[in-house]
Amino acid sequence: WWRAAHSLHGGWSNGGFPVAEFARSAAARGSFVVTKPPRTGGCVTRGTVLEQMLYEIGDPADYALPDVRCDWRHVEVDEVGVDRV
């Protein structure tokens, strides 16, 4: 929380909402990068992404939405750059 609150560009007072950038290539199909707009506060790290997933998903083996069911047990989460997971 400290890193997010005291980050460059205003911390929480200028918080950047997360953005998912989906891969276009066939080889990377199903993968995406979570990031935030440049020059906004807060941070996107492996920890913040995993915390949000844990909060949202009750049962990783059977995450049920109105139109789809997902199995999240084999998801890989890696930091690929600053504020890019």
C-alpha atoms as a PDB file:
ATOM      1  CA  TRP A   1       0.000   0.000   0.000  1.00  0.00           C
ATOM      2  CA  TRP A   2       2.847   2.380   0.797  1.00  0.00           C
ATOM      3  CA  ARG A   3       4.321   2.071  -2.696  1.00  0.00           C
ATOM      4  CA  ALA A   4       0.937   2.752  -4.301  1.00  0.00           C
ATOM      5  CA  ALA A   5       0.109   5.668  -2.011  1.00  0.00           C
ATOM      6  CA  HIS A   6       3.474   7.366  -2.528  1.00  0.00           C
ATOM      7  CA  SER A   7       4.121   6.541  -6.169  1.00  0.00           C
ATOM      8  CA  LEU A   8       5.177   9.111  -8.730  1.00  0.00           C
ATOM      9  CA  HIS A   9       2.467  11.210 -10.375  1.00  0.00           C
ATOM     10  CA  GLY A  10       0.272  11.678  -7.309  1.00  0.00           C
ATOM     11  CA  GLY A  11      -0.150   8.299  -5.679  1.00  0.00           C
ATOM     12  CA  TRP A  12      -3.748   7.576  -4.744  1.00  0.00           C
ATOM     13  CA  SER A  13      -4.920  11.110  -5.539  1.00  0.00           C
ATOM     14  CA  ASN A  14      -4.229  10.425  -9.238  1.00  0.00           C
ATOM     15  CA  GLY A  15      -4.780   6.677  -9.297  1.00  0.00           C
ATOM     16  CA  GLY A  16      -4.587   4.935 -12.648  1.00  0.00           C
ATOM     17  CA  PHE A  17      -7.312   2.426 -13.389  1.00  0.00           C
ATOM     18  CA  PRO A  18      -6.063  -0.961 -14.606  1.00  0.00           C
ATOM     19  CA  VAL A  19      -6.086  -1.700 -18.316  1.00  0.00           C
ATOM     20  CA  ALA A  20      -5.847  -5.144 -19.958  1.00  0.00           C
ATOM     21  CA  GLU A  21      -3.920  -5.285 -23.238  1.00  0.00           C
ATOM     22  CA  PHE A  22      -4.815  -8.511 -25.040  1.00  0.00           C
ATOM     23  CA  ALA A  23      -2.297 -10.270 -27.288  1.00  0.00           C
ATOM     24  CA  ARG A  24      -3.110 -10.317 -30.997  1.00  0.00           C
ATOM     25  CA  SER A  25      -0.772 -13.078 -32.184  1.00  0.00           C
ATOM     26  CA  ALA A  26      -1.993 -16.649 -32.481  1.00  0.00           C
ATOM     27  CA  ALA A  27       1.008 -17.877 -30.481  1.00  0.00           C
ATOM     28  CA  ALA A  28       0.088 -15.662 -27.509  1.00  0.00           C
ATOM     29  CA  ARG A  29      -3.658 -16.253 -27.713  1.00  0.00           C
ATOM     30  CA  GLY A  30      -5.286 -16.084 -24.307  1.00  0.00           C
ATOM     31  CA  SER A  31      -2.566 -13.961 -22.764  1.00  0.00           C
ATOM     32  CA  PHE A  32      -2.752 -10.328 -21.776  1.00  0.00           C
ATOM     33  CA  VAL A  33      -0.840  -7.647 -19.892  1.00  0.00           C
ATOM     34  CA  VAL A  34      -2.384  -5.696 -17.029  1.00  0.00           C
ATOM     35  CA  THR A  35      -1.079  -2.125 -16.883  1.00  0.00           C
ATOM     36  CA  LYS A  36      -2.268   1.420 -16.154  1.00  0.00           C
ATOM     37  CA  PRO A  37      -2.197   4.705 -18.039  1.00  0.00           C
ATOM     38  CA  PRO A  38       1.147   6.527 -18.012  1.00  0.00           C
ATOM     39  CA  ARG A  39       1.710   9.372 -15.544  1.00  0.00           C
ATOM     40  CA  THR A  40      -0.933   8.101 -13.120  1.00  0.00           C
ATOM     41  CA  GLY A  41      -0.441   7.128  -9.492  1.00  0.00           C
ATOM     42  CA  GLY A  42      -0.578   3.710  -7.923  1.00  0.00           C
ATOM     43  CA  CYS A  43       1.238   0.619  -9.119  1.00  0.00           C
ATOM     44  CA  VAL A  44       0.601  -2.603 -11.009  1.00  0.00           C
ATOM     45  CA  THR A  45       2.692  -5.461  -9.645  1.00  0.00           C
ATOM     46  CA  ARG A  46       2.471  -9.228  -9.551  1.00  0.00           C
ATOM     47  CA  GLY A  47       1.235  -8.869  -5.972  1.00  0.00           C
ATOM     48  CA  THR A  48      -1.538  -6.380  -6.760  1.00  0.00           C
ATOM     49  CA  VAL A  49      -2.783  -8.487  -9.688  1.00  0.00           C
ATOM     50  CA  LEU A  50      -2.772 -11.706  -7.611  1.00  0.00           C
ATOM     51  CA  GLU A  51      -4.530  -9.949  -4.712  1.00  0.00           C
ATOM     52  CA  GLN A  52      -7.301  -8.768  -7.032  1.00  0.00           C
ATOM     53  CA  MET A  53      -7.659 -12.238  -8.555  1.00  0.00           C
ATOM     54  CA  LEU A  54      -7.908 -13.766  -5.072  1.00  0.00           C
ATOM     55  CA  TYR A  55     -10.556 -11.197  -4.104  1.00  0.00           C
ATOM     56  CA  GLU A  56     -12.648 -11.765  -7.233  1.00  0.00           C
ATOM     57  CA  ILE A  57     -12.394 -15.546  -7.632  1.00  0.00           C
ATOM     58  CA  GLY A  58     -13.949 -17.691  -4.920  1.00  0.00           C
ATOM     59  CA  ASP A  59     -13.098 -21.096  -6.406  1.00  0.00           C
ATOM     60  CA  PRO A  60     -10.185 -20.985  -8.885  1.00  0.00           C
ATOM     61  CA  ALA A  61     -11.178 -24.409 -10.261  1.00  0.00           C
ATOM     62  CA  ASP A  62     -14.730 -23.280 -11.051  1.00  0.00           C
ATOM     63  CA  TYR A  63     -15.110 -19.513 -11.410  1.00  0.00           C
ATOM     64  CA  ALA A  64     -18.698 -19.064 -12.570  1.00  0.00           C
ATOM     65  CA  LEU A  65     -19.925 -15.982 -14.453  1.00  0.00           C
ATOM     66  CA  PRO A  66     -23.340 -15.542 -16.072  1.00  0.00           C
ATOM     67  CA  ASP A  67     -22.056 -16.570 -19.511  1.00  0.00           C
ATOM     68  CA  VAL A  68     -18.908 -18.640 -18.889  1.00  0.00           C
ATOM     69  CA  ARG A  69     -17.124 -20.874 -16.380  1.00  0.00           C
ATOM     70  CA  CYS A  70     -13.340 -20.646 -15.970  1.00  0.00           C
ATOM     71  CA  ASP A  71     -10.594 -22.791 -14.476  1.00  0.00           C
ATOM     72  CA  TRP A  72      -7.868 -20.453 -13.162  1.00  0.00           C
ATOM     73  CA  ARG A  73      -5.648 -23.115 -11.554  1.00  0.00           C
ATOM     74  CA  HIS A  74      -2.959 -22.973 -14.261  1.00  0.00           C
ATOM     75  CA  VAL A  75      -2.678 -19.211 -14.707  1.00  0.00           C
ATOM     76  CA  GLU A  76       0.861 -17.793 -14.845  1.00  0.00           C
ATOM     77  CA  VAL A  77       1.440 -14.273 -13.555  1.00  0.00           C
ATOM     78  CA  ASP A  78       4.768 -12.568 -14.277  1.00  0.00           C
ATOM     79  CA  GLU A  79       6.007  -8.980 -14.125  1.00  0.00           C
ATOM     80  CA  VAL A  80       7.132  -8.013 -17.629  1.00  0.00           C
ATOM     81  CA  GLY A  81       8.023  -4.367 -16.942  1.00  0.00           C
ATOM     82  CA  VAL A  82       7.327  -1.424 -14.688  1.00  0.00           C
ATOM     83  CA  ASP A  83       3.553  -1.414 -14.018  1.00  0.00           C
ATOM     84  CA  ARG A  84       3.150  -4.300 -16.520  1.00  0.00           C
ATOM     85  CA  VAL A  85       2.070  -7.768 -15.369  1.00  0.00           C
END
